[in-house]
């Protein structure tokens, strides 16, 4: 399930809430019952290493495009 961030418009506290995609957005702050707004956050998804395309999806027999140049 995804992690969503909400900020209370009254007390300015930020809450991280785990919700299903089908759940309705939070309307009230759990601390002060003020109105909440959903924040847009960075995702933690990152591709690292020698390259997922080269190691996992590239058809065998093709040359690497990012090779070293002499």
N, C-alpha and C. Protein backbone atom coordinates (compact mmCIF):
# COMPACT_ATOMS: atom_id res chain seq x y z
N UNK A 1 0.84 -1.18 0.00
CA UNK A 1 0.00 0.00 0.00
C UNK A 1 0.89 1.24 0.00
N UNK A 2 0.45 2.27 -0.69
CA UNK A 2 1.25 3.50 -0.76
C UNK A 2 1.19 4.33 0.52
N UNK A 3 2.22 5.12 0.69
CA UNK A 3 2.33 6.04 1.81
C UNK A 3 2.00 7.44 1.32
N UNK A 4 1.04 8.09 1.93
CA UNK A 4 0.62 9.43 1.56
C UNK A 4 0.98 10.40 2.66
N UNK A 5 1.27 11.65 2.27
CA UNK A 5 1.53 12.70 3.25
C UNK A 5 0.40 13.72 3.18
N UNK A 6 -0.07 14.10 4.35
CA UNK A 6 -1.10 15.13 4.48
C UNK A 6 -0.59 16.20 5.42
N UNK A 7 -1.01 17.45 5.17
CA UNK A 7 -0.67 18.53 6.08
C UNK A 7 -1.95 19.18 6.56
N UNK A 8 -2.00 19.39 7.87
CA UNK A 8 -3.15 20.06 8.47
C UNK A 8 -3.06 21.55 8.17
N UNK A 9 -4.16 22.12 7.75
CA UNK A 9 -4.19 23.55 7.43
C UNK A 9 -4.30 24.40 8.69
N UNK A 10 -4.68 23.80 9.81
CA UNK A 10 -4.81 24.54 11.08
C UNK A 10 -3.52 24.49 11.89
N UNK A 11 -3.05 23.28 12.22
CA UNK A 11 -1.88 23.15 13.09
C UNK A 11 -0.57 22.96 12.31
N UNK A 12 -0.64 22.82 10.99
CA UNK A 12 0.51 22.69 10.09
C UNK A 12 1.32 21.40 10.29
N UNK A 13 0.81 20.44 11.06
CA UNK A 13 1.52 19.17 11.23
C UNK A 13 1.39 18.34 9.96
N UNK A 14 2.47 17.60 9.64
CA UNK A 14 2.48 16.70 8.49
C UNK A 14 2.31 15.28 9.01
N UNK A 15 1.38 14.54 8.42
CA UNK A 15 1.09 13.17 8.81
C UNK A 15 1.38 12.24 7.63
N UNK A 16 2.07 11.14 7.89
CA UNK A 16 2.30 10.11 6.88
C UNK A 16 1.30 8.98 7.14
N UNK A 17 0.48 8.68 6.15
CA UNK A 17 -0.61 7.71 6.31
C UNK A 17 -0.49 6.64 5.23
N UNK A 18 -0.56 5.38 5.63
CA UNK A 18 -0.58 4.28 4.67
C UNK A 18 -2.04 4.01 4.33
N UNK A 19 -2.38 4.11 3.03
CA UNK A 19 -3.76 3.92 2.59
C UNK A 19 -3.79 3.08 1.32
N UNK A 20 -4.92 2.44 1.11
CA UNK A 20 -5.17 1.76 -0.16
C UNK A 20 -5.46 2.81 -1.23
N UNK A 21 -5.27 2.44 -2.50
CA UNK A 21 -5.60 3.35 -3.59
C UNK A 21 -7.08 3.70 -3.56
N UNK A 22 -7.91 2.76 -3.13
CA UNK A 22 -9.35 2.97 -3.15
C UNK A 22 -9.87 3.75 -1.94
N UNK A 23 -9.02 4.00 -0.93
CA UNK A 23 -9.46 4.75 0.25
C UNK A 23 -9.67 6.23 -0.09
N UNK A 24 -10.65 6.82 0.56
CA UNK A 24 -10.89 8.26 0.39
C UNK A 24 -9.79 9.05 1.08
N UNK A 25 -9.43 10.22 0.55
CA UNK A 25 -8.41 11.05 1.21
C UNK A 25 -8.88 11.51 2.59
N UNK A 26 -7.91 11.71 3.49
CA UNK A 26 -8.27 12.19 4.83
C UNK A 26 -8.84 13.60 4.74
N UNK A 27 -9.85 13.87 5.55
CA UNK A 27 -10.48 15.19 5.55
C UNK A 27 -10.17 15.97 6.82
N UNK A 28 -9.94 15.24 7.94
CA UNK A 28 -9.71 15.90 9.22
C UNK A 28 -8.39 15.46 9.83
N UNK A 29 -7.71 16.40 10.47
CA UNK A 29 -6.46 16.13 11.18
C UNK A 29 -6.74 15.24 12.38
N UNK A 30 -5.96 14.18 12.58
CA UNK A 30 -6.18 13.32 13.75
C UNK A 30 -5.84 14.02 15.07
N UNK A 31 -5.06 15.10 15.03
CA UNK A 31 -4.67 15.80 16.26
C UNK A 31 -5.65 16.90 16.65
N UNK A 32 -6.01 17.77 15.67
CA UNK A 32 -6.83 18.95 16.02
C UNK A 32 -8.17 19.00 15.28
N UNK A 33 -8.46 18.02 14.44
CA UNK A 33 -9.69 17.95 13.65
C UNK A 33 -9.81 19.08 12.62
N UNK A 34 -8.70 19.72 12.29
CA UNK A 34 -8.70 20.75 11.25
C UNK A 34 -8.70 20.13 9.86
N UNK A 35 -8.91 20.93 8.83
CA UNK A 35 -8.93 20.41 7.46
C UNK A 35 -7.53 19.98 7.00
N UNK A 36 -7.48 18.89 6.23
CA UNK A 36 -6.21 18.32 5.75
C UNK A 36 -6.10 18.51 4.24
N UNK A 37 -4.88 18.68 3.76
CA UNK A 37 -4.63 18.69 2.32
C UNK A 37 -3.51 17.69 2.01
N UNK A 38 -3.67 17.00 0.89
CA UNK A 38 -2.69 15.99 0.49
C UNK A 38 -1.48 16.68 -0.13
N UNK A 39 -0.28 16.23 0.24
CA UNK A 39 0.95 16.79 -0.28
C UNK A 39 1.48 15.94 -1.42
N UNK A 40 2.21 16.55 -2.33
CA UNK A 40 2.90 15.81 -3.39
C UNK A 40 4.31 15.57 -2.89
N UNK A 41 4.70 14.30 -2.82
CA UNK A 41 5.99 13.93 -2.24
C UNK A 41 6.87 13.25 -3.28
N UNK A 42 8.15 13.22 -3.01
CA UNK A 42 9.08 12.48 -3.85
C UNK A 42 8.89 10.99 -3.62
N UNK A 43 9.10 10.22 -4.66
CA UNK A 43 9.06 8.78 -4.47
C UNK A 43 10.45 8.30 -4.13
N UNK A 44 10.54 7.11 -3.58
CA UNK A 44 11.84 6.56 -3.21
C UNK A 44 12.33 5.55 -4.23
N UNK A 45 11.75 5.52 -5.41
CA UNK A 45 12.12 4.58 -6.45
C UNK A 45 13.41 5.03 -7.13
N UNK A 46 14.39 4.14 -7.22
CA UNK A 46 15.65 4.48 -7.88
C UNK A 46 16.21 3.25 -8.56
N UNK A 47 16.70 3.42 -9.76
CA UNK A 47 17.39 2.34 -10.47
C UNK A 47 18.88 2.53 -10.26
N UNK A 48 19.54 1.53 -9.69
CA UNK A 48 20.96 1.64 -9.39
C UNK A 48 21.69 0.44 -9.98
N UNK A 49 22.98 0.56 -10.07
CA UNK A 49 23.81 -0.55 -10.51
C UNK A 49 24.28 -0.36 -11.94
N UNK A 50 24.65 -1.46 -12.57
CA UNK A 50 25.20 -1.39 -13.92
C UNK A 50 24.14 -1.15 -14.97
N UNK A 51 22.91 -1.20 -14.61
CA UNK A 51 21.83 -0.88 -15.53
C UNK A 51 20.86 -2.04 -15.68
N UNK A 52 19.63 -1.79 -15.29
CA UNK A 52 18.62 -2.86 -15.35
C UNK A 52 18.32 -3.24 -16.79
N UNK A 53 18.41 -2.31 -17.74
CA UNK A 53 18.15 -2.65 -19.13
C UNK A 53 19.22 -3.60 -19.65
N UNK A 54 20.47 -3.30 -19.39
CA UNK A 54 21.59 -4.11 -19.88
C UNK A 54 21.56 -5.50 -19.27
N UNK A 55 21.30 -5.59 -17.98
CA UNK A 55 21.38 -6.88 -17.30
C UNK A 55 20.10 -7.71 -17.36
N UNK A 56 18.95 -7.06 -17.49
CA UNK A 56 17.70 -7.81 -17.38
C UNK A 56 16.84 -7.87 -18.65
N UNK A 57 16.87 -6.84 -19.49
CA UNK A 57 15.91 -6.78 -20.59
C UNK A 57 16.52 -6.76 -21.98
N UNK A 58 17.79 -6.44 -22.10
CA UNK A 58 18.43 -6.32 -23.39
C UNK A 58 18.54 -7.69 -24.04
N UNK A 59 18.08 -7.83 -25.30
CA UNK A 59 18.22 -9.11 -25.98
C UNK A 59 19.69 -9.51 -26.08
N UNK A 60 20.00 -10.77 -25.86
CA UNK A 60 21.39 -11.21 -25.92
C UNK A 60 21.93 -11.05 -27.34
N UNK A 61 23.20 -10.71 -27.45
CA UNK A 61 23.83 -10.52 -28.75
C UNK A 61 23.95 -9.07 -29.16
N UNK A 62 23.28 -8.13 -28.46
CA UNK A 62 23.39 -6.71 -28.79
C UNK A 62 24.55 -6.10 -28.03
N UNK A 63 25.25 -5.16 -28.68
CA UNK A 63 26.37 -4.49 -28.05
C UNK A 63 25.85 -3.42 -27.09
N UNK A 64 26.64 -3.12 -26.09
CA UNK A 64 26.31 -2.07 -25.13
C UNK A 64 26.52 -0.71 -25.78
N UNK A 65 25.56 0.22 -25.57
CA UNK A 65 25.65 1.56 -26.14
C UNK A 65 26.50 2.48 -25.29
N UNK A 66 26.65 2.19 -24.03
CA UNK A 66 27.36 3.09 -23.11
C UNK A 66 28.79 2.66 -22.85
N UNK A 67 29.41 1.97 -23.78
CA UNK A 67 30.77 1.48 -23.57
C UNK A 67 31.78 2.60 -23.50
N UNK A 68 33.00 2.26 -23.11
CA UNK A 68 34.05 3.27 -22.99
C UNK A 68 34.56 3.65 -24.36
N UNK A 69 34.92 4.91 -24.52
CA UNK A 69 35.42 5.43 -25.78
C UNK A 69 36.92 5.60 -25.68
N UNK A 70 37.64 5.29 -26.73
CA UNK A 70 39.10 5.42 -26.71
C UNK A 70 39.53 6.77 -27.25
